[in-house]
Amino acid sequence: MCNSKGSATATVRINNDRVRVTEWRFNKRGANTGWHRHAYDYVVIPLFDGVLEIDLGDGERITAQMENGVPYYREIGVEHDVINGNDFECAFVEVELLQERT
């Protein structure tokens, strides 16, 4: 869930008691999600081959290689901003697991 407005477009596709599925679309290099912290564990499914830059604050920025259709899982984590590091439009699908782990 975003705390500040970025320039990427978020479209919620499913939102129920169990999951929230959001498509994030970045129209150009530098488009970003805005600073946010996930309230739930989540899975990201890239819809492109390329890179995302993850700004962790304090000048720390990492580059994450994405492969179309290859998901990755993250637990509730640190505050961050996701940035398109490509010279083309890109997108990913984010699936937040709204039920707490038991």
PDB file of N, CA and C in Angstrom:
ATOM      1  N   MET A   1       0.856  -1.166   0.000  1.00  0.00           N
ATOM      2  CA  MET A   1       0.000   0.000   0.000  1.00  0.00           C
ATOM      3  C   MET A   1       0.903   1.230   0.000  1.00  0.00           C
ATOM      4  N   CYS A   2       0.600   2.197  -0.838  1.00  0.00           N
ATOM      5  CA  CYS A   2       1.468   3.362  -0.996  1.00  0.00           C
ATOM      6  C   CYS A   2       1.188   4.443   0.044  1.00  0.00           C
ATOM      7  N   ASN A   3       2.269   5.040   0.514  1.00  0.00           N
ATOM      8  CA  ASN A   3       2.166   6.157   1.448  1.00  0.00           C
ATOM      9  C   ASN A   3       2.284   7.496   0.732  1.00  0.00           C
ATOM     10  N   SER A   4       2.991   7.534  -0.386  1.00  0.00           N
ATOM     11  CA  SER A   4       3.126   8.774  -1.149  1.00  0.00           C
ATOM     12  C   SER A   4       2.877   8.481  -2.617  1.00  0.00           C
ATOM     13  N   LYS A   5       2.441   9.472  -3.339  1.00  0.00           N
ATOM     14  CA  LYS A   5       2.053   9.319  -4.732  1.00  0.00           C
ATOM     15  C   LYS A   5       3.279   9.308  -5.634  1.00  0.00           C
ATOM     16  N   GLY A   6       3.409   8.249  -6.395  1.00  0.00           N
ATOM     17  CA  GLY A   6       4.442   8.169  -7.421  1.00  0.00           C
ATOM     18  C   GLY A   6       3.828   8.439  -8.775  1.00  0.00           C
ATOM     19  N   SER A   7       4.617   8.249  -9.821  1.00  0.00           N
ATOM     20  CA  SER A   7       4.129   8.506 -11.175  1.00  0.00           C
ATOM     21  C   SER A   7       3.655   7.247 -11.894  1.00  0.00           C
ATOM     22  N   ALA A   8       3.901   6.056 -11.323  1.00  0.00           N
ATOM     23  CA  ALA A   8       3.401   4.815 -11.911  1.00  0.00           C
ATOM     24  C   ALA A   8       1.891   4.732 -11.682  1.00  0.00           C
ATOM     25  N   THR A   9       1.228   3.977 -12.542  1.00  0.00           N
ATOM     26  CA  THR A   9      -0.221   3.801 -12.450  1.00  0.00           C
ATOM     27  C   THR A   9      -0.538   2.474 -11.783  1.00  0.00           C
ATOM     28  N   ALA A  10      -1.308   2.526 -10.709  1.00  0.00           N
ATOM     29  CA  ALA A  10      -1.733   1.320  -9.995  1.00  0.00           C
ATOM     30  C   ALA A  10      -3.199   1.055 -10.308  1.00  0.00           C
ATOM     31  N   THR A  11      -3.488  -0.158 -10.795  1.00  0.00           N
ATOM     32  CA  THR A  11      -4.854  -0.560 -11.087  1.00  0.00           C
ATOM     33  C   THR A  11      -5.166  -1.808 -10.275  1.00  0.00           C
ATOM     34  N   VAL A  12      -6.074  -1.698  -9.311  1.00  0.00           N
ATOM     35  CA  VAL A  12      -6.455  -2.842  -8.487  1.00  0.00           C
ATOM     36  C   VAL A  12      -7.369  -3.727  -9.322  1.00  0.00           C
ATOM     37  N   ARG A  13      -6.970  -4.987  -9.498  1.00  0.00           N
ATOM     38  CA  ARG A  13      -7.727  -5.941 -10.320  1.00  0.00           C
ATOM     39  C   ARG A  13      -8.617  -6.844  -9.460  1.00  0.00           C
ATOM     40  N   ILE A  14      -8.145  -7.199  -8.263  1.00  0.00           N
ATOM     41  CA  ILE A  14      -8.915  -8.026  -7.323  1.00  0.00           C
ATOM     42  C   ILE A  14      -8.655  -7.475  -5.935  1.00  0.00           C
ATOM     43  N   ASN A  15      -9.707  -7.362  -5.133  1.00  0.00           N
ATOM     44  CA  ASN A  15      -9.545  -6.922  -3.748  1.00  0.00           C
ATOM     45  C   ASN A  15     -10.642  -7.580  -2.927  1.00  0.00           C
ATOM     46  N   ASN A  16     -10.251  -8.616  -2.153  1.00  0.00           N
ATOM     47  CA  ASN A  16     -11.221  -9.304  -1.313  1.00  0.00           C
ATOM     48  C   ASN A  16     -10.596  -9.585   0.051  1.00  0.00           C
ATOM     49  N   ASP A  17     -11.205 -10.445   0.838  1.00  0.00           N
ATOM     50  CA  ASP A  17     -10.702 -10.718   2.181  1.00  0.00           C
ATOM     51  C   ASP A  17      -9.362 -11.446   2.188  1.00  0.00           C
ATOM     52  N   ARG A  18      -9.002 -12.106   1.095  1.00  0.00           N
ATOM     53  CA  ARG A  18      -7.795 -12.935   1.073  1.00  0.00           C
ATOM     54  C   ARG A  18      -6.628 -12.315   0.332  1.00  0.00           C
ATOM     55  N   VAL A  19      -6.902 -11.639  -0.796  1.00  0.00           N
ATOM     56  CA  VAL A  19      -5.813 -11.081  -1.610  1.00  0.00           C
ATOM     57  C   VAL A  19      -6.188  -9.729  -2.199  1.00  0.00           C
ATOM     58  N   ARG A  20      -5.155  -8.940  -2.476  1.00  0.00           N
ATOM     59  CA  ARG A  20      -5.310  -7.726  -3.275  1.00  0.00           C
ATOM     60  C   ARG A  20      -4.326  -7.871  -4.439  1.00  0.00           C
ATOM     61  N   VAL A  21      -4.840  -7.797  -5.663  1.00  0.00           N
ATOM     62  CA  VAL A  21      -4.015  -7.927  -6.858  1.00  0.00           C
ATOM     63  C   VAL A  21      -4.005  -6.583  -7.562  1.00  0.00           C
ATOM     64  N   THR A  22      -2.806  -6.018  -7.719  1.00  0.00           N
ATOM     65  CA  THR A  22      -2.649  -4.699  -8.319  1.00  0.00           C
ATOM     66  C   THR A  22      -1.686  -4.785  -9.491  1.00  0.00           C
ATOM     67  N   GLU A  23      -2.087  -4.212 -10.613  1.00  0.00           N
ATOM     68  CA  GLU A  23      -1.167  -4.064 -11.746  1.00  0.00           C
ATOM     69  C   GLU A  23      -0.494  -2.705 -11.632  1.00  0.00           C
ATOM     70  N   TRP A  24       0.834  -2.711 -11.636  1.00  0.00           N
ATOM     71  CA  TRP A  24       1.622  -1.476 -11.621  1.00  0.00           C
ATOM     72  C   TRP A  24       2.209  -1.259 -13.001  1.00  0.00           C
ATOM     73  N   ARG A  25       1.927  -0.094 -13.600  1.00  0.00           N
ATOM     74  CA  ARG A  25       2.419   0.223 -14.938  1.00  0.00           C
ATOM     75  C   ARG A  25       3.291   1.473 -14.872  1.00  0.00           C
ATOM     76  N   PHE A  26       4.501   1.361 -15.414  1.00  0.00           N
ATOM     77  CA  PHE A  26       5.501   2.433 -15.427  1.00  0.00           C
ATOM     78  C   PHE A  26       5.686   2.864 -16.876  1.00  0.00           C
ATOM     79  N   ASN A  27       5.226   4.064 -17.233  1.00  0.00           N
ATOM     80  CA  ASN A  27       5.181   4.460 -18.643  1.00  0.00           C
ATOM     81  C   ASN A  27       6.526   4.850 -19.239  1.00  0.00           C
ATOM     82  N   LYS A  28       7.527   5.139 -18.394  1.00  0.00           N
ATOM     83  CA  LYS A  28       8.841   5.538 -18.915  1.00  0.00           C
ATOM     84  C   LYS A  28       9.899   5.353 -17.833  1.00  0.00           C
ATOM     85  N   ARG A  29      11.159   5.453 -18.236  1.00  0.00           N
ATOM     86  CA  ARG A  29      12.271   5.383 -17.284  1.00  0.00           C
ATOM     87  C   ARG A  29      12.066   6.445 -16.203  1.00  0.00           C
ATOM     88  N   GLY A  30      12.276   6.047 -14.968  1.00  0.00           N
ATOM     89  CA  GLY A  30      12.141   6.975 -13.857  1.00  0.00           C
ATOM     90  C   GLY A  30      10.760   6.996 -13.217  1.00  0.00           C
ATOM     91  N   ALA A  31       9.744   6.447 -13.895  1.00  0.00           N
ATOM     92  CA  ALA A  31       8.417   6.371 -13.276  1.00  0.00           C
ATOM     93  C   ALA A  31       8.533   5.511 -12.016  1.00  0.00           C
ATOM     94  N   ASN A  32       7.796   5.879 -10.971  1.00  0.00           N
ATOM     95  CA  ASN A  32       7.981   5.201  -9.688  1.00  0.00           C
ATOM     96  C   ASN A  32       6.666   4.972  -8.949  1.00  0.00           C
ATOM     97  N   THR A  33       6.714   4.062  -7.974  1.00  0.00           N
ATOM     98  CA  THR A  33       5.527   3.740  -7.174  1.00  0.00           C
ATOM     99  C   THR A  33       5.251   4.788  -6.116  1.00  0.00           C
ATOM    100  N   GLY A  34       6.279   5.482  -5.660  1.00  0.00           N
ATOM    101  CA  GLY A  34       6.175   6.343  -4.490  1.00  0.00           C
ATOM    102  C   GLY A  34       6.618   5.554  -3.268  1.00  0.00           C
ATOM    103  N   TRP A  35       7.045   6.257  -2.243  1.00  0.00           N
ATOM    104  CA  TRP A  35       7.521   5.608  -1.022  1.00  0.00           C
ATOM    105  C   TRP A  35       6.384   4.860  -0.360  1.00  0.00           C
ATOM    106  N   HIS A  36       6.649   3.618   0.017  1.00  0.00           N
ATOM    107  CA  HIS A  36       5.629   2.801   0.669  1.00  0.00           C
ATOM    108  C   HIS A  36       6.262   1.685   1.491  1.00  0.00           C
ATOM    109  N   ARG A  37       5.451   1.122   2.354  1.00  0.00           N
ATOM    110  CA  ARG A  37       5.835  -0.033   3.169  1.00  0.00           C
ATOM    111  C   ARG A  37       4.677  -1.023   3.064  1.00  0.00           C
ATOM    112  N   HIS A  38       4.992  -2.266   2.738  1.00  0.00           N
ATOM    113  CA  HIS A  38       3.945  -3.281   2.610  1.00  0.00           C
ATOM    114  C   HIS A  38       3.434  -3.712   3.980  1.00  0.00           C
ATOM    115  N   ALA A  39       2.124  -3.759   4.111  1.00  0.00           N
ATOM    116  CA  ALA A  39       1.482  -4.175   5.352  1.00  0.00           C
ATOM    117  C   ALA A  39       1.289  -5.692   5.387  1.00  0.00           C
ATOM    118  N   TYR A  40       1.558  -6.348   4.256  1.00  0.00           N
ATOM    119  CA  TYR A  40       1.357  -7.789   4.136  1.00  0.00           C
ATOM    120  C   TYR A  40       2.505  -8.388   3.329  1.00  0.00           C
ATOM    121  N   ASP A  41       2.682  -9.709   3.461  1.00  0.00           N
ATOM    122  CA  ASP A  41       3.580 -10.423   2.571  1.00  0.00           C
ATOM    123  C   ASP A  41       3.014 -10.302   1.160  1.00  0.00           C
ATOM    124  N   TYR A  42       3.882 -10.417   0.146  1.00  0.00           N
ATOM    125  CA  TYR A  42       3.401 -10.220  -1.217  1.00  0.00           C
ATOM    126  C   TYR A  42       4.257 -10.966  -2.242  1.00  0.00           C
ATOM    127  N   VAL A  43       3.674 -11.146  -3.422  1.00  0.00           N
ATOM    128  CA  VAL A  43       4.333 -11.764  -4.566  1.00  0.00           C
ATOM    129  C   VAL A  43       4.265 -10.769  -5.713  1.00  0.00           C
ATOM    130  N   VAL A  44       5.383 -10.638  -6.442  1.00  0.00           N
ATOM    131  CA  VAL A  44       5.433  -9.775  -7.623  1.00  0.00           C
ATOM    132  C   VAL A  44       5.688 -10.650  -8.845  1.00  0.00           C
ATOM    133  N   ILE A  45       4.890 -10.432  -9.910  1.00  0.00           N
ATOM    134  CA  ILE A  45       5.057 -11.142 -11.180  1.00  0.00           C
ATOM    135  C   ILE A  45       5.373 -10.118 -12.258  1.00  0.00           C
ATOM    136  N   PRO A  46       6.629 -10.043 -12.699  1.00  0.00           N
ATOM    137  CA  PRO A  46       7.001  -9.087 -13.749  1.00  0.00           C
ATOM    138  C   PRO A  46       6.337  -9.450 -15.083  1.00  0.00           C
ATOM    139  N   LEU A  47       5.959  -8.435 -15.838  1.00  0.00           N
ATOM    140  CA  LEU A  47       5.377  -8.617 -17.169  1.00  0.00           C
ATOM    141  C   LEU A  47       6.349  -8.132 -18.235  1.00  0.00           C
ATOM    142  N   PHE A  48       7.645  -8.243 -17.949  1.00  0.00           N
ATOM    143  CA  PHE A  48       8.686  -7.750 -18.854  1.00  0.00           C
ATOM    144  C   PHE A  48      10.021  -8.366 -18.460  1.00  0.00           C
ATOM    145  N   ASP A  49      10.978  -8.279 -19.379  1.00  0.00           N
ATOM    146  CA  ASP A  49      12.374  -8.592 -19.093  1.00  0.00           C
ATOM    147  C   ASP A  49      13.098  -7.266 -18.965  1.00  0.00           C
ATOM    148  N   GLY A  50      13.810  -7.066 -17.867  1.00  0.00           N
ATOM    149  CA  GLY A  50      14.519  -5.806 -17.674  1.00  0.00           C
ATOM    150  C   GLY A  50      14.874  -5.612 -16.214  1.00  0.00           C
ATOM    151  N   VAL A  51      14.943  -4.346 -15.787  1.00  0.00           N
ATOM    152  CA  VAL A  51      15.357  -4.059 -14.418  1.00  0.00           C
ATOM    153  C   VAL A  51      14.399  -3.091 -13.736  1.00  0.00           C
ATOM    154  N   LEU A  52      14.324  -3.241 -12.431  1.00  0.00           N
ATOM    155  CA  LEU A  52      13.691  -2.263 -11.570  1.00  0.00           C
ATOM    156  C   LEU A  52      14.756  -1.765 -10.614  1.00  0.00           C
ATOM    157  N   GLU A  53      14.704  -0.494 -10.310  1.00  0.00           N
ATOM    158  CA  GLU A  53      15.600   0.067  -9.304  1.00  0.00           C
ATOM    159  C   GLU A  53      14.789   0.220  -8.028  1.00  0.00           C
ATOM    160  N   ILE A  54      15.376  -0.195  -6.914  1.00  0.00           N
ATOM    161  CA  ILE A  54      14.711  -0.112  -5.622  1.00  0.00           C
ATOM    162  C   ILE A  54      15.478   0.889  -4.768  1.00  0.00           C
ATOM    163  N   ASP A  55      14.829   2.001  -4.468  1.00  0.00           N
ATOM    164  CA  ASP A  55      15.434   3.030  -3.623  1.00  0.00           C
ATOM    165  C   ASP A  55      15.067   2.715  -2.180  1.00  0.00           C
ATOM    166  N   LEU A  56      16.085   2.470  -1.359  1.00  0.00           N
ATOM    167  CA  LEU A  56      15.872   2.110   0.040  1.00  0.00           C
ATOM    168  C   LEU A  56      16.085   3.296   0.970  1.00  0.00           C
ATOM    169  N   GLY A  57      16.348   4.461   0.404  1.00  0.00           N
ATOM    170  CA  GLY A  57      16.592   5.654   1.212  1.00  0.00           C
ATOM    171  C   GLY A  57      18.051   5.778   1.585  1.00  0.00           C
ATOM    172  N   ASP A  58      18.404   6.912   2.157  1.00  0.00           N
ATOM    173  CA  ASP A  58      19.778   7.180   2.584  1.00  0.00           C
ATOM    174  C   ASP A  58      20.790   6.958   1.465  1.00  0.00           C
ATOM    175  N   GLY A  59      20.385   7.175   0.213  1.00  0.00           N
ATOM    176  CA  GLY A  59      21.282   7.031  -0.923  1.00  0.00           C
ATOM    177  C   GLY A  59      21.495   5.608  -1.390  1.00  0.00           C
ATOM    178  N   GLU A  60      20.854   4.639  -0.736  1.00  0.00           N
ATOM    179  CA  GLU A  60      21.023   3.237  -1.131  1.00  0.00           C
ATOM    180  C   GLU A  60      19.984   2.871  -2.182  1.00  0.00           C
ATOM    181  N   ARG A  61      20.476   2.447  -3.359  1.00  0.00           N
ATOM    182  CA  ARG A  61      19.605   2.032  -4.453  1.00  0.00           C
ATOM    183  C   ARG A  61      20.159   0.744  -5.039  1.00  0.00           C
ATOM    184  N   ILE A  62      19.298  -0.255  -5.162  1.00  0.00           N
ATOM    185  CA  ILE A  62      19.723  -1.523  -5.746  1.00  0.00           C
ATOM    186  C   ILE A  62      19.010  -1.734  -7.075  1.00  0.00           C
ATOM    187  N   THR A  63      19.611  -2.542  -7.935  1.00  0.00           N
ATOM    188  CA  THR A  63      19.019  -2.891  -9.221  1.00  0.00           C
ATOM    189  C   THR A  63      18.586  -4.353  -9.157  1.00  0.00           C
ATOM    190  N   ALA A  64      17.334  -4.609  -9.495  1.00  0.00           N
ATOM    191  CA  ALA A  64      16.779  -5.958  -9.473  1.00  0.00           C
ATOM    192  C   ALA A  64      16.452  -6.396 -10.898  1.00  0.00           C
ATOM    193  N   GLN A  65      17.036  -7.495 -11.318  1.00  0.00           N
ATOM    194  CA  GLN A  65      16.796  -8.044 -12.658  1.00  0.00           C
ATOM    195  C   GLN A  65      15.448  -8.758 -12.667  1.00  0.00           C
ATOM    196  N   MET A  66      14.597  -8.434 -13.620  1.00  0.00           N
ATOM    197  CA  MET A  66      13.270  -9.032 -13.753  1.00  0.00           C
ATOM    198  C   MET A  66      13.225  -9.918 -14.988  1.00  0.00           C
ATOM    199  N   GLU A  67      12.489 -11.019 -14.870  1.00  0.00           N
ATOM    200  CA  GLU A  67      12.267 -11.905 -16.007  1.00  0.00           C
ATOM    201  C   GLU A  67      10.764 -12.098 -16.163  1.00  0.00           C
ATOM    202  N   ASN A  68      10.264 -11.864 -17.359  1.00  0.00           N
ATOM    203  CA  ASN A  68       8.841 -11.938 -17.649  1.00  0.00           C
ATOM    204  C   ASN A  68       8.226 -13.229 -17.112  1.00  0.00           C
ATOM    205  N   GLY A  69       7.230 -13.091 -16.240  1.00  0.00           N
ATOM    206  CA  GLY A  69       6.486 -14.226 -15.726  1.00  0.00           C
ATOM    207  C   GLY A  69       7.133 -14.965 -14.564  1.00  0.00           C
ATOM    208  N   VAL A  70       8.355 -14.589 -14.178  1.00  0.00           N
ATOM    209  CA  VAL A  70       9.036 -15.268 -13.076  1.00  0.00           C
ATOM    210  C   VAL A  70       8.782 -14.494 -11.782  1.00  0.00           C
ATOM    211  N   PRO A  71       7.965 -15.064 -10.883  1.00  0.00           N
ATOM    212  CA  PRO A  71       7.574 -14.333  -9.671  1.00  0.00           C
ATOM    213  C   PRO A  71       8.660 -14.339  -8.606  1.00  0.00           C
ATOM    214  N   TYR A  72       8.541 -13.380  -7.699  1.00  0.00           N
ATOM    215  CA  TYR A  72       9.351 -13.420  -6.487  1.00  0.00           C
ATOM    216  C   TYR A  72       8.471 -13.042  -5.306  1.00  0.00           C
ATOM    217  N   TYR A  73       8.878 -13.507  -4.127  1.00  0.00           N
ATOM    218  CA  TYR A  73       8.107 -13.355  -2.892  1.00  0.00           C
ATOM    219  C   TYR A  73       8.887 -12.480  -1.924  1.00  0.00           C
ATOM    220  N   ARG A  74       8.170 -11.598  -1.228  1.00  0.00           N
ATOM    221  CA  ARG A  74       8.786 -10.771  -0.190  1.00  0.00           C
ATOM    222  C   ARG A  74       7.867 -10.732   1.031  1.00  0.00           C
ATOM    223  N   GLU A  75       8.483 -10.711   2.195  1.00  0.00           N
ATOM    224  CA  GLU A  75       7.730 -10.534   3.426  1.00  0.00           C
ATOM    225  C   GLU A  75       7.609  -9.042   3.712  1.00  0.00           C
ATOM    226  N   ILE A  76       6.744  -8.730   4.665  1.00  0.00           N
ATOM    227  CA  ILE A  76       6.616  -7.342   5.112  1.00  0.00           C
ATOM    228  C   ILE A  76       8.021  -6.786   5.261  1.00  0.00           C
ATOM    229  N   GLY A  77       8.256  -5.604   4.712  1.00  0.00           N
ATOM    230  CA  GLY A  77       9.639  -5.145   4.702  1.00  0.00           C
ATOM    231  C   GLY A  77       9.833  -3.674   4.949  1.00  0.00           C
ATOM    232  N   VAL A  78      10.977  -3.232   4.543  1.00  0.00           N
ATOM    233  CA  VAL A  78      11.387  -1.855   4.756  1.00  0.00           C
ATOM    234  C   VAL A  78      10.661  -0.910   3.798  1.00  0.00           C
ATOM    235  N   GLU A  79      10.653   0.342   4.151  1.00  0.00           N
ATOM    236  CA  GLU A  79      10.073   1.359   3.283  1.00  0.00           C
ATOM    237  C   GLU A  79      10.951   1.479   2.042  1.00  0.00           C
ATOM    238  N   HIS A  80      10.322   1.625   0.876  1.00  0.00           N
ATOM    239  CA  HIS A  80      11.077   1.692  -0.370  1.00  0.00           C
ATOM    240  C   HIS A  80      10.256   2.362  -1.471  1.00  0.00           C
ATOM    241  N   ASP A  81      10.932   2.645  -2.574  1.00  0.00           N
ATOM    242  CA  ASP A  81      10.315   3.210  -3.774  1.00  0.00           C
ATOM    243  C   ASP A  81      10.818   2.388  -4.946  1.00  0.00           C
ATOM    244  N   VAL A  82       9.919   1.924  -5.812  1.00  0.00           N
ATOM    245  CA  VAL A  82      10.279   1.109  -6.972  1.00  0.00           C
ATOM    246  C   VAL A  82      10.260   1.995  -8.211  1.00  0.00           C
ATOM    247  N   ILE A  83      11.346   1.926  -9.011  1.00  0.00           N
ATOM    248  CA  ILE A  83      11.552   2.843 -10.133  1.00  0.00           C
ATOM    249  C   ILE A  83      11.843   2.049 -11.402  1.00  0.00           C
ATOM    250  N   ASN A  84      11.233   2.459 -12.512  1.00  0.00           N
ATOM    251  CA  ASN A  84      11.518   1.847 -13.809  1.00  0.00           C
ATOM    252  C   ASN A  84      12.937   2.224 -14.229  1.00  0.00           C
ATOM    253  N   GLY A  85      13.795   1.222 -14.385  1.00  0.00           N
ATOM    254  CA  GLY A  85      15.174   1.450 -14.813  1.00  0.00           C
ATOM    255  C   GLY A  85      15.389   1.140 -16.274  1.00  0.00           C
ATOM    256  N   ASN A  86      14.319   1.071 -17.056  1.00  0.00           N
ATOM    257  CA  ASN A  86      14.394   0.696 -18.477  1.00  0.00           C
ATOM    258  C   ASN A  86      14.046   1.884 -19.370  1.00  0.00           C
ATOM    259  N   ASP A  87      14.434   1.780 -20.623  1.00  0.00           N
ATOM    260  CA  ASP A  87      14.080   2.809 -21.611  1.00  0.00           C
ATOM    261  C   ASP A  87      12.785   2.447 -22.331  1.00  0.00           C
ATOM    262  N   PHE A  88      11.930   1.705 -21.665  1.00  0.00           N
ATOM    263  CA  PHE A  88      10.636   1.304 -22.233  1.00  0.00           C
ATOM    264  C   PHE A  88       9.615   1.184 -21.106  1.00  0.00           C
ATOM    265  N   GLU A  89       8.343   1.179 -21.500  1.00  0.00           N
ATOM    266  CA  GLU A  89       7.268   0.974 -20.532  1.00  0.00           C
ATOM    267  C   GLU A  89       7.371  -0.438 -19.970  1.00  0.00           C
ATOM    268  N   CYS A  90       7.092  -0.585 -18.690  1.00  0.00           N
ATOM    269  CA  CYS A  90       7.084  -1.920 -18.086  1.00  0.00           C
ATOM    270  C   CYS A  90       5.971  -1.997 -17.053  1.00  0.00           C
ATOM    271  N   ALA A  91       5.686  -3.228 -16.626  1.00  0.00           N
ATOM    272  CA  ALA A  91       4.608  -3.427 -15.659  1.00  0.00           C
ATOM    273  C   ALA A  91       4.868  -4.702 -14.876  1.00  0.00           C
ATOM    274  N   PHE A  92       4.251  -4.767 -13.701  1.00  0.00           N
ATOM    275  CA  PHE A  92       4.236  -6.015 -12.944  1.00  0.00           C
ATOM    276  C   PHE A  92       2.913  -6.129 -12.215  1.00  0.00           C
ATOM    277  N   VAL A  93       2.604  -7.353 -11.812  1.00  0.00           N
ATOM    278  CA  VAL A  93       1.416  -7.627 -11.017  1.00  0.00           C
ATOM    279  C   VAL A  93       1.887  -7.933  -9.605  1.00  0.00           C
ATOM    280  N   GLU A  94       1.265  -7.269  -8.636  1.00  0.00           N
ATOM    281  CA  GLU A  94       1.592  -7.464  -7.222  1.00  0.00           C
ATOM    282  C   GLU A  94       0.407  -8.132  -6.545  1.00  0.00           C
ATOM    283  N   VAL A  95       0.664  -9.244  -5.843  1.00  0.00           N
ATOM    284  CA  VAL A  95      -0.374  -9.974  -5.126  1.00  0.00           C
ATOM    285  C   VAL A  95      -0.052  -9.888  -3.639  1.00  0.00           C
ATOM    286  N   GLU A  96      -0.874  -9.133  -2.901  1.00  0.00           N
ATOM    287  CA  GLU A  96      -0.701  -9.014  -1.459  1.00  0.00           C
ATOM    288  C   GLU A  96      -1.545 -10.072  -0.767  1.00  0.00           C
ATOM    289  N   LEU A  97      -0.925 -10.792   0.179  1.00  0.00           N
ATOM    290  CA  LEU A  97      -1.591 -11.866   0.911  1.00  0.00           C
ATOM    291  C   LEU A  97      -2.177 -11.272   2.185  1.00  0.00           C
ATOM    292  N   LEU A  98      -3.466 -10.963   2.144  1.00  0.00           N
ATOM    293  CA  LEU A  98      -4.109 -10.175   3.193  1.00  0.00           C
ATOM    294  C   LEU A  98      -4.375 -10.919   4.491  1.00  0.00           C
ATOM    295  N   GLN A  99      -4.320 -12.227   4.468  1.00  0.00           N
ATOM    296  CA  GLN A  99      -4.528 -12.987   5.695  1.00  0.00           C
ATOM    297  C   GLN A  99      -3.184 -13.200   6.381  1.00  0.00           C
ATOM    298  N   GLU A 100      -3.167 -12.997   7.669  1.00  0.00           N
ATOM    299  CA  GLU A 100      -1.929 -13.173   8.421  1.00  0.00           C
ATOM    300  C   GLU A 100      -1.522 -14.650   8.445  1.00  0.00           C
ATOM    301  N   ARG A 101      -0.203 -14.858   8.518  1.00  0.00           N
ATOM    302  CA  ARG A 101       0.309 -16.228   8.612  1.00  0.00           C
ATOM    303  C   ARG A 101      -0.045 -16.798   9.973  1.00  0.00           C
ATOM    304  N   THR A 102      -0.274 -18.112   9.994  1.00  0.00           N
ATOM    305  CA  THR A 102      -0.570 -18.789  11.260  1.00  0.00           C
ATOM    306  C   THR A 102       0.564 -19.688  11.663  1.00  0.00           C
TER     307      THR A 102
END
